[in-house]
């Protein structure tokens, strides 16, 4: 179990480290449209969850009631989820993400009964800088609860393959030659599994767990009774929310196949900066609000990425989540709070309308230049003469990283907004590449004699 930045001596948890390390398979989805969205099941399986609603899922049917004072009952496990703090981000969507993370912690601290612990589901930082991790740790120490458990997001591992993240949060996690960082623990009769699906991403792919982690998942739950409640938390959704934007995990279905025998499985994710839910049999999926900035809902804007909302409405689209488990109930109850206490719907709609109005026109790239804009390379295929230089220019509000698909040229450093990367191509041929932070982004350099 990873040691968090701080622990309260008075907190008693029944924590047990897990065991260890099979092949992956692609999630078989039903009737996907060209953009990757299963529109036939979209409305029946997913719900936009506003703050002020308590979602209780019983027998696979979600029901809601107005949120009042949630006082945990005796014998009830109560914990909080926060996600996507992006410490270091300072663009138009939120110029002070440290302040909004601090507001989220204050909201948790104001609860009459404090949660047993926090789960942070990744993208703690924007650029994996030590100073960003330091700031996040400082703010999270303000939480009155005693312990925080972490999993990384792609922004936490994009510079050094997760080495800095693992140095801080990876003690007693499963370690591999390529990184690792996954782990499990038990608390109040519930088995928690923290998974890592943001390392070693492939061109055109989604989040990925990998064969070694899949083998560990199978081994980790073998000794458990099928009546044990399971909570899985990871950064990228384990279900295919919107593959066209990279919102899903390639081998998520394989991981979940090892959990079919359990009566109650809850999956908590971040990454998409909005609350969505889906129920499939024994599995309830939930994605969380960010504490930093919103992203558009699937297909409502030209691309994903930080979304600007009207002045005064930012706190309507940021928030935290509380989760309750009562041993007599089959599923966990999930309550989503925005920082303002208002519904996020109006702010999301306004931000999406503005994004549509200002897109998708990408900036025109100069000769021998590729513009990175709206999560796309423009032009997607560029032709240059042998011996020429090519420059990539990042116009997005998020970082990208250029990587050769077949390792034929040197990868760029992590490119923040306005950063450029220039490379010479002395030999003719085709050089496919992708963004290793957002692997659905792909391009190609064609070098002629």
Protein backbone atom coordinates (compact mmCIF):
# COMPACT_ATOMS: atom_id res chain seq x y z
CA UNK A 1 0.00 0.00 0.00
CA UNK A 2 1.47 3.35 -0.98
CA UNK A 3 2.27 5.69 1.86
CA UNK A 4 0.46 9.02 1.40
CA UNK A 5 2.03 12.37 2.19
CA UNK A 6 0.43 12.32 5.62
CA UNK A 7 -1.34 9.93 7.98
CA UNK A 8 -3.18 10.61 11.21
CA UNK A 9 -1.96 8.29 13.95
CA UNK A 10 -5.50 7.82 15.21
CA UNK A 11 -6.78 6.34 11.93
CA UNK A 12 -7.17 2.59 12.06
CA UNK A 13 -7.53 0.82 8.73
CA UNK A 14 -7.54 -2.85 7.94
CA UNK A 15 -5.03 -2.47 5.12
CA UNK A 16 -3.39 -5.47 3.51
CA UNK A 17 -1.01 -5.31 0.57
CA UNK A 18 -1.98 -7.56 -2.30
CA UNK A 19 -0.39 -10.36 -4.33
CA UNK A 20 0.98 -10.60 -7.88
CA UNK A 21 1.24 -11.09 -12.14
CA UNK A 22 -1.93 -12.77 -18.73
CA UNK A 23 -2.98 -11.43 -21.83
CA UNK A 24 -5.24 -8.62 -22.86
CA UNK A 25 -8.25 -8.49 -25.09
CA UNK A 26 -10.07 -5.60 -26.63
CA UNK A 27 -13.44 -4.65 -25.20
CA UNK A 28 -16.16 -5.95 -27.47
CA UNK A 29 -18.59 -3.08 -27.81
CA UNK A 30 -22.03 -3.21 -29.39
CA UNK A 31 -22.93 -1.27 -32.55
CA UNK A 32 -20.63 1.72 -32.33
CA UNK A 33 -21.18 4.72 -34.56
CA UNK A 34 -18.28 6.06 -36.61
CA UNK A 35 -17.28 8.34 -33.75
CA UNK A 36 -17.13 5.41 -31.35
CA UNK A 37 -20.31 6.18 -29.39
CA UNK A 38 -22.89 3.47 -28.83
CA UNK A 39 -25.89 5.73 -29.39
CA UNK A 40 -28.42 2.92 -29.05
CA UNK A 41 -27.44 2.37 -25.41
CA UNK A 42 -26.13 5.84 -24.61
CA UNK A 43 -29.24 7.21 -22.90
CA UNK A 44 -30.30 3.95 -21.28
CA UNK A 45 -26.90 3.15 -19.74
CA UNK A 46 -25.55 6.55 -18.85
CA UNK A 47 -26.82 9.46 -16.81
CA UNK A 48 -25.46 12.93 -16.36
CA UNK A 49 -25.23 13.24 -12.61
CA UNK A 50 -25.73 16.68 -11.10
CA UNK A 51 -24.70 17.74 -7.64
CA UNK A 52 -27.29 17.51 -4.91
CA UNK A 53 -28.30 13.99 -5.97
CA UNK A 54 -27.66 10.84 -3.99
CA UNK A 55 -27.31 7.92 -6.38
CA UNK A 56 -28.07 4.51 -4.91
CA UNK A 57 -27.78 1.52 -7.21
CA UNK A 58 -29.66 -1.60 -6.25
CA UNK A 59 -30.24 -4.61 -8.44
CA UNK A 60 -28.64 -2.77 -11.36
CA UNK A 61 -31.21 0.06 -11.30
CA UNK A 62 -29.97 3.59 -10.50
CA UNK A 63 -32.29 5.75 -8.42
CA UNK A 64 -31.77 9.22 -7.01
CA UNK A 65 -32.96 11.44 -4.20
CA UNK A 66 -32.17 15.01 -3.20
CA UNK A 67 -28.97 15.30 -1.23
CA UNK A 68 -29.48 16.26 2.38
CA UNK A 69 -27.06 15.95 5.25
CA UNK A 70 -25.32 12.62 4.65
CA UNK A 71 -24.51 11.35 8.13
CA UNK A 72 -22.84 7.94 7.91
CA UNK A 73 -24.66 5.22 9.84
CA UNK A 74 -22.99 2.89 12.28
CA UNK A 75 -20.97 0.25 10.44
CA UNK A 76 -21.01 2.30 7.22
CA UNK A 77 -17.80 2.97 5.29
CA UNK A 78 -17.61 6.53 3.99
CA UNK A 79 -14.79 7.86 1.82
CA UNK A 80 -14.23 10.67 -0.71
CA UNK A 81 -12.95 10.74 -4.29
CA UNK A 82 -11.16 13.73 -5.79
CA UNK A 83 -9.63 13.82 -9.26
CA UNK A 84 -7.76 15.77 -11.91
CA UNK A 85 -6.23 18.55 -9.82
CA UNK A 86 -3.80 19.50 -12.64
CA UNK A 87 -1.60 21.58 -10.34
CA UNK A 88 0.48 23.81 -12.62
CA UNK A 89 -2.28 24.50 -15.16
CA UNK A 90 -2.82 28.27 -15.54
CA UNK A 91 -4.78 28.82 -18.76
CA UNK A 92 -8.14 30.50 -19.45
CA UNK A 93 -10.25 27.58 -18.20
CA UNK A 94 -8.88 28.14 -14.66
CA UNK A 95 -5.99 30.45 -13.82
CA UNK A 96 -5.70 29.22 -10.21
CA UNK A 97 -6.14 25.45 -9.91
CA UNK A 98 -4.45 25.45 -6.49
CA UNK A 99 -7.25 27.64 -5.14
CA UNK A 100 -9.96 25.34 -6.48
CA UNK A 101 -8.23 22.24 -5.08
CA UNK A 102 -8.06 24.05 -1.74
CA UNK A 103 -11.79 24.85 -2.05
CA UNK A 104 -12.48 21.16 -2.66
CA UNK A 105 -10.55 20.17 0.46
CA UNK A 106 -12.39 22.85 2.44
CA UNK A 107 -15.71 21.37 1.29
CA UNK A 108 -14.61 17.96 2.58
CA UNK A 109 -13.34 19.44 5.85
CA UNK A 110 -16.74 21.10 6.39
CA UNK A 111 -18.54 17.74 6.52
CA UNK A 112 -19.92 16.94 9.95
CA UNK A 113 -18.39 13.45 9.84
CA UNK A 114 -15.00 13.07 8.17
CA UNK A 115 -14.38 10.34 5.59
CA UNK A 116 -12.17 7.36 6.42
CA UNK A 117 -9.80 8.38 3.60
CA UNK A 118 -9.50 10.11 0.22
CA UNK A 119 -8.97 8.49 -3.18
CA UNK A 120 -7.22 10.69 -5.77
CA UNK A 121 -7.82 9.25 -9.24
CA UNK A 122 -4.95 10.92 -11.04
CA UNK A 123 -3.66 13.92 -12.94
CA UNK A 124 -2.43 15.37 -9.68
CA UNK A 125 -0.15 17.64 -11.74
CA UNK A 126 -0.13 19.24 -15.16
CA UNK A 127 3.51 18.69 -16.17
CA UNK A 128 4.89 16.21 -13.58
CA UNK A 129 7.15 18.90 -12.10
CA UNK A 130 8.50 18.39 -8.56
CA UNK A 131 7.14 21.82 -7.59
CA UNK A 132 3.67 20.81 -8.79
CA UNK A 133 3.72 17.59 -6.76
CA UNK A 134 4.95 19.62 -3.77
CA UNK A 135 2.06 22.07 -4.04
CA UNK A 136 -0.49 19.28 -4.38
CA UNK A 137 0.93 17.51 -1.33
CA UNK A 138 0.82 20.74 0.68
CA UNK A 139 -2.86 21.37 -0.14
CA UNK A 140 -3.90 17.75 0.44
CA UNK A 141 -2.26 17.85 3.89
CA UNK A 142 -4.94 20.40 4.80
CA UNK A 143 -7.56 17.63 4.66
CA UNK A 144 -8.83 16.60 8.09
CA UNK A 145 -9.14 13.00 7.00
CA UNK A 146 -6.16 10.82 7.79
CA UNK A 147 -5.04 9.17 4.58
CA UNK A 148 -4.98 9.63 0.81
CA UNK A 149 -4.56 6.86 -1.74
CA UNK A 150 -3.39 7.68 -5.28
CA UNK A 151 -3.28 6.37 -8.82
CA UNK A 152 -1.50 8.33 -11.60
CA UNK A 153 -2.97 10.12 -14.57
CA UNK A 154 -1.16 10.56 -17.88
CA UNK A 155 -0.03 14.06 -16.83
CA UNK A 156 1.72 12.56 -13.79
CA UNK A 157 3.87 10.17 -15.85
CA UNK A 158 4.42 11.98 -19.16
CA UNK A 159 7.92 13.34 -18.47
CA UNK A 160 9.79 10.42 -16.89
CA UNK A 161 7.54 7.40 -17.34
CA UNK A 162 6.17 7.79 -13.83
CA UNK A 163 9.48 7.68 -11.93
CA UNK A 164 8.75 10.87 -9.94
CA UNK A 165 5.21 9.76 -9.18
CA UNK A 166 6.35 6.32 -8.00
CA UNK A 167 9.09 7.80 -5.85
CA UNK A 168 6.46 9.79 -3.95
CA UNK A 169 3.44 7.50 -3.94
CA UNK A 170 4.63 4.08 -5.06
CA UNK A 171 6.00 2.51 -1.89
CA UNK A 172 4.78 -1.10 -1.53
CA UNK A 173 3.01 -1.04 -4.89
CA UNK A 174 3.69 -3.62 -7.58
CA UNK A 175 6.83 -2.59 -9.49
CA UNK A 176 7.94 -3.69 -12.94
CA UNK A 177 10.78 -2.90 -15.30
CA UNK A 178 8.50 -0.44 -17.12
CA UNK A 179 7.05 1.17 -14.01
CA UNK A 180 4.11 -0.46 -12.25
CA UNK A 181 2.37 1.25 -9.35
CA UNK A 182 -0.81 -0.82 -8.93
CA UNK A 183 -1.86 -2.17 -5.53
CA UNK A 184 -4.77 -3.27 -3.36
CA UNK A 185 -5.91 -2.92 0.24
CA UNK A 186 -8.85 -3.93 2.42
CA UNK A 187 -10.97 -1.64 4.56
CA UNK A 188 -14.16 -2.39 6.50
CA UNK A 189 -14.80 -5.57 4.53
CA UNK A 190 -14.34 -3.89 1.12
CA UNK A 191 -11.46 -4.81 -1.23
CA UNK A 192 -9.94 -1.81 -3.04
CA UNK A 193 -7.78 -2.10 -6.18
CA UNK A 194 -5.78 0.89 -7.44
CA UNK A 195 -4.93 0.31 -11.12
CA UNK A 196 -2.60 2.11 -13.55
CA UNK A 197 -3.81 2.52 -17.16
CA UNK A 198 -1.71 5.48 -18.34
CA UNK A 199 1.71 3.90 -19.00
CA UNK A 200 3.15 2.56 -22.27
CA UNK A 201 0.26 3.81 -24.39
CA UNK A 202 0.19 2.78 -28.05
CA UNK A 203 -0.50 4.87 -31.17
CA UNK A 204 -4.22 5.15 -31.80
CA UNK A 205 -5.01 3.31 -28.59
CA UNK A 206 -6.89 4.07 -25.42
CA UNK A 207 -5.81 3.62 -21.82
CA UNK A 208 -4.01 0.35 -21.23
CA UNK A 209 -3.43 -1.95 -18.26
CA UNK A 210 -1.11 -4.45 -19.95
CA UNK A 211 -0.62 -8.20 -19.56
CA UNK A 212 1.40 -8.03 -16.35
CA UNK A 213 -1.17 -5.96 -14.49
CA UNK A 214 -4.03 -8.11 -15.82
CA UNK A 215 -2.32 -11.20 -14.43
CA UNK A 216 -1.93 -9.44 -11.08
CA UNK A 217 -5.65 -8.53 -11.03
CA UNK A 218 -6.64 -12.15 -11.60
CA UNK A 219 -4.29 -13.32 -8.85
CA UNK A 220 -5.23 -10.55 -6.41
CA UNK A 221 -8.92 -11.52 -6.16
CA UNK A 222 -8.60 -15.32 -6.29
CA UNK A 223 -8.63 -15.70 -2.51
CA UNK A 224 -11.68 -13.47 -1.97
CA UNK A 225 -15.21 -14.63 -1.32
CA UNK A 226 -17.67 -13.72 -4.08
CA UNK A 227 -19.65 -11.76 -1.48
CA UNK A 228 -16.73 -9.33 -0.98
CA UNK A 229 -17.56 -5.83 -2.29
CA UNK A 230 -14.93 -4.64 -4.78
CA UNK A 231 -13.96 -1.02 -5.48
CA UNK A 232 -11.66 -0.45 -8.47
CA UNK A 233 -10.15 2.99 -8.98
CA UNK A 234 -8.04 4.12 -11.93
CA UNK A 235 -7.55 7.31 -13.93
CA UNK A 236 -8.93 6.54 -17.41
CA UNK A 237 -12.44 5.01 -17.48
CA UNK A 238 -12.35 1.21 -17.72
CA UNK A 239 -15.40 1.33 -19.99
CA UNK A 240 -15.58 2.88 -23.46
CA UNK A 241 -17.12 6.26 -22.75
CA UNK A 242 -16.05 7.86 -26.04
CA UNK A 243 -13.20 6.14 -27.93
CA UNK A 244 -12.99 8.92 -30.53
CA UNK A 245 -11.57 11.13 -27.78
CA UNK A 246 -9.50 8.37 -26.15
CA UNK A 247 -11.97 7.99 -23.27
CA UNK A 248 -11.74 4.30 -22.47
CA UNK A 249 -9.33 1.47 -21.73
CA UNK A 250 -8.34 -1.06 -24.41
CA UNK A 251 -8.21 -4.04 -22.07
CA UNK A 252 -10.74 -2.86 -19.49
CA UNK A 253 -13.17 -5.64 -20.37
CA UNK A 254 -10.48 -8.25 -19.72
CA UNK A 255 -9.81 -6.79 -16.27
CA UNK A 256 -13.51 -6.76 -15.40
CA UNK A 257 -13.92 -10.38 -16.54
CA UNK A 258 -11.96 -11.42 -13.44
CA UNK A 259 -14.58 -9.68 -11.27
CA UNK A 260 -17.72 -11.27 -12.72
CA UNK A 261 -18.25 -13.61 -9.78
CA UNK A 262 -18.48 -10.76 -7.27
CA UNK A 263 -21.92 -9.45 -6.36
CA UNK A 264 -20.88 -5.81 -5.99
CA UNK A 265 -18.22 -4.08 -8.10
CA UNK A 266 -17.84 -0.28 -8.16
CA UNK A 267 -15.45 1.36 -10.62
CA UNK A 268 -14.33 4.95 -9.92
CA UNK A 269 -12.46 6.92 -12.58
CA UNK A 270 -11.43 10.47 -13.46
CA UNK A 271 -9.86 11.74 -16.72
CA UNK A 272 -12.98 13.10 -18.44
CA UNK A 273 -13.72 15.85 -15.85
CA UNK A 274 -17.46 15.18 -15.60
CA UNK A 275 -19.83 12.88 -13.75
CA UNK A 276 -21.21 9.99 -15.75
CA UNK A 277 -22.48 6.61 -14.69
CA UNK A 278 -23.26 3.27 -16.24
CA UNK A 279 -24.50 -0.02 -14.77
CA UNK A 280 -23.78 -3.40 -16.32
CA UNK A 281 -24.93 -6.35 -14.23
CA UNK A 282 -22.89 -6.40 -11.04
CA UNK A 283 -20.67 -3.46 -12.07
CA UNK A 284 -21.46 0.22 -11.45
CA UNK A 285 -19.15 2.66 -13.29
CA UNK A 286 -18.69 6.27 -12.16
CA UNK A 287 -16.53 9.08 -13.54
CA UNK A 288 -15.79 12.16 -11.44
CA UNK A 289 -15.67 15.93 -11.72
CA UNK A 290 -12.26 17.59 -11.77
CA UNK A 291 -11.09 20.13 -9.21
CA UNK A 292 -9.34 22.10 -12.00
CA UNK A 293 -11.45 22.58 -15.15
CA UNK A 294 -14.26 20.89 -17.10
CA UNK A 295 -14.08 19.15 -20.45
CA UNK A 296 -16.96 19.03 -22.95
CA UNK A 297 -19.41 16.15 -22.81
CA UNK A 298 -18.84 13.52 -25.53
CA UNK A 299 -19.35 14.87 -29.05
CA UNK A 300 -20.65 18.27 -27.92
CA UNK A 301 -17.54 20.20 -29.02
CA UNK A 302 -14.88 19.84 -31.72
CA UNK A 303 -12.42 18.19 -29.32
CA UNK A 304 -11.78 17.37 -25.66
CA UNK A 305 -9.59 19.60 -23.52
CA UNK A 306 -9.95 22.43 -21.00
CA UNK A 307 -13.29 24.19 -21.49
CA UNK A 308 -13.96 27.79 -20.55
CA UNK A 309 -17.33 28.41 -18.89
CA UNK A 310 -19.04 31.77 -18.24
CA UNK A 311 -17.59 34.00 -15.55
CA UNK A 312 -18.82 33.02 -12.11
CA UNK A 313 -19.78 29.48 -13.12
CA UNK A 314 -16.46 27.65 -12.77
CA UNK A 315 -17.37 26.27 -9.33
CA UNK A 316 -20.55 24.82 -10.87
CA UNK A 317 -18.47 22.34 -12.91
CA UNK A 318 -15.79 21.39 -10.35
CA UNK A 319 -16.34 19.14 -7.40
CA UNK A 320 -15.77 16.13 -5.18
CA UNK A 321 -17.51 12.79 -4.60
CA UNK A 322 -18.49 10.96 -1.45
CA UNK A 323 -19.06 7.21 -1.40
CA UNK A 324 -20.94 5.21 1.24
CA UNK A 325 -20.98 1.48 1.82
CA UNK A 326 -23.43 -0.20 4.18
CA UNK A 327 -22.75 -3.93 4.58
CA UNK A 328 -26.43 -4.84 4.17
CA UNK A 329 -26.67 -3.10 0.78
CA UNK A 330 -25.58 -4.60 -2.53
CA UNK A 331 -24.12 -1.48 -4.12
CA UNK A 332 -22.34 1.62 -2.90
CA UNK A 333 -24.13 4.96 -2.72
CA UNK A 334 -22.44 7.81 -4.59
CA UNK A 335 -23.00 11.52 -3.95
CA UNK A 336 -21.45 14.14 -6.25
CA UNK A 337 -20.98 17.69 -4.96
CA UNK A 338 -20.02 20.69 -7.08
CA UNK A 339 -17.97 23.34 -5.28
CA UNK A 340 -20.82 25.83 -5.63
CA UNK A 341 -23.66 23.48 -4.75
CA UNK A 342 -25.34 24.33 -8.08
CA UNK A 343 -26.16 21.92 -10.89
CA UNK A 344 -23.38 21.78 -13.52
CA UNK A 345 -25.73 21.46 -16.49
CA UNK A 346 -26.10 25.14 -17.46
CA UNK A 347 -22.36 25.84 -17.23
CA UNK A 348 -21.50 22.74 -19.27
CA UNK A 349 -24.02 23.71 -21.97
CA UNK A 350 -22.69 27.28 -22.18
CA UNK A 351 -19.08 26.14 -22.38
CA UNK A 352 -19.86 23.58 -25.07
CA UNK A 353 -21.76 26.16 -27.15
CA UNK A 354 -18.80 28.54 -26.96
CA UNK A 355 -16.40 25.76 -27.96
CA UNK A 356 -18.51 24.93 -31.01
CA UNK A 357 -18.71 28.60 -31.98
CA UNK A 358 -14.93 29.01 -31.87
CA UNK A 359 -13.97 25.68 -33.49
CA UNK A 360 -13.01 23.56 -35.21
CA UNK A 361 -10.94 25.89 -37.38
CA UNK A 362 -7.31 25.06 -36.68
CA UNK A 363 -4.56 27.59 -37.15
CA UNK A 364 -3.01 27.41 -40.60
CA UNK A 365 0.40 25.81 -40.35
CA UNK A 366 3.35 27.46 -42.04
CA UNK A 367 5.48 25.61 -44.57
CA UNK A 368 7.33 22.66 -43.02
CA UNK A 369 5.30 23.08 -39.83
CA UNK A 370 2.62 21.03 -38.08
CA UNK A 371 0.18 22.89 -35.86
CA UNK A 372 -1.15 21.01 -32.82
CA UNK A 373 -4.63 22.37 -32.26
CA UNK A 374 -7.95 20.95 -31.00
CA UNK A 375 -6.21 17.66 -30.12
CA UNK A 376 -5.16 17.11 -33.74
CA UNK A 377 -2.10 17.45 -35.96
CA UNK A 378 -2.63 19.90 -38.82
CA UNK A 379 -1.85 18.82 -41.43
CA UNK A 380 -2.23 15.21 -40.40
CA UNK A 381 0.08 14.13 -43.22
CA UNK A 382 2.89 16.52 -44.13
CA UNK A 383 5.33 16.11 -47.04
CA UNK A 384 8.84 17.57 -46.91
CA UNK A 385 12.03 17.13 -48.90
CA UNK A 386 14.85 14.95 -47.59
CA UNK A 387 17.30 17.02 -45.54
CA UNK A 388 14.58 19.48 -44.49
CA UNK A 389 13.51 20.39 -40.96
CA UNK A 390 9.98 20.03 -39.64
CA UNK A 391 8.57 21.99 -36.71
CA UNK A 392 5.65 21.07 -34.48
CA UNK A 393 3.95 23.97 -32.67
CA UNK A 394 1.55 23.35 -29.76
CA UNK A 395 -1.44 25.71 -29.79
CA UNK A 396 -3.53 23.65 -27.34
CA UNK A 397 -4.00 24.48 -23.66
CA UNK A 398 -2.64 21.06 -22.67
CA UNK A 399 0.78 19.42 -23.17
CA UNK A 400 1.54 16.98 -25.97
CA UNK A 401 4.51 14.77 -26.75
CA UNK A 402 5.60 13.70 -30.25
CA UNK A 403 6.69 10.07 -30.48
CA UNK A 404 7.62 7.97 -33.51
CA UNK A 405 5.31 4.98 -33.89
CA UNK A 406 8.20 2.74 -34.98
CA UNK A 407 11.01 4.54 -33.11
CA UNK A 408 12.54 6.08 -36.26
CA UNK A 409 13.15 9.51 -34.77
CA UNK A 410 13.84 11.04 -31.36
CA UNK A 411 10.76 11.80 -29.28
CA UNK A 412 10.07 15.39 -28.28
CA UNK A 413 10.14 16.58 -24.70
CA UNK A 414 6.75 17.26 -23.15
CA UNK A 415 5.46 20.30 -25.07
CA UNK A 416 3.35 22.74 -23.10
CA UNK A 417 1.29 25.50 -24.76
CA UNK A 418 3.28 27.51 -27.36
CA UNK A 419 6.21 25.09 -27.21
CA UNK A 420 7.89 24.07 -30.50
CA UNK A 421 9.88 21.00 -31.50
CA UNK A 422 12.05 20.93 -34.63
CA UNK A 423 13.61 17.86 -36.20
CA UNK A 424 15.66 17.15 -39.34
CA UNK A 425 14.71 14.30 -41.67
CA UNK A 426 17.78 13.39 -43.76
CA UNK A 427 16.38 10.20 -45.32
CA UNK A 428 13.33 9.66 -47.51
CA UNK A 429 10.48 7.47 -46.31
CA UNK A 430 7.31 7.56 -44.23
CA UNK A 431 7.48 8.39 -40.52
CA UNK A 432 4.20 7.77 -38.65
CA UNK A 433 3.96 9.32 -35.19
CA UNK A 434 1.49 9.96 -32.37
CA UNK A 435 1.09 11.92 -29.16
CA UNK A 436 2.20 9.64 -26.33
CA UNK A 437 0.07 11.62 -23.83
CA UNK A 438 -3.08 11.48 -25.97
CA UNK A 439 -2.47 8.48 -28.28
CA UNK A 440 -5.63 8.89 -30.36
CA UNK A 441 -3.75 11.80 -31.97
CA UNK A 442 -1.78 10.46 -34.95
CA UNK A 443 0.11 11.96 -37.89
CA UNK A 444 2.62 11.11 -40.57
CA UNK A 445 5.70 12.75 -42.09
CA UNK A 446 6.39 11.81 -45.72
CA UNK A 447 9.96 12.59 -46.74
CA UNK A 448 10.69 12.68 -50.50
CA UNK A 449 13.99 12.76 -52.38
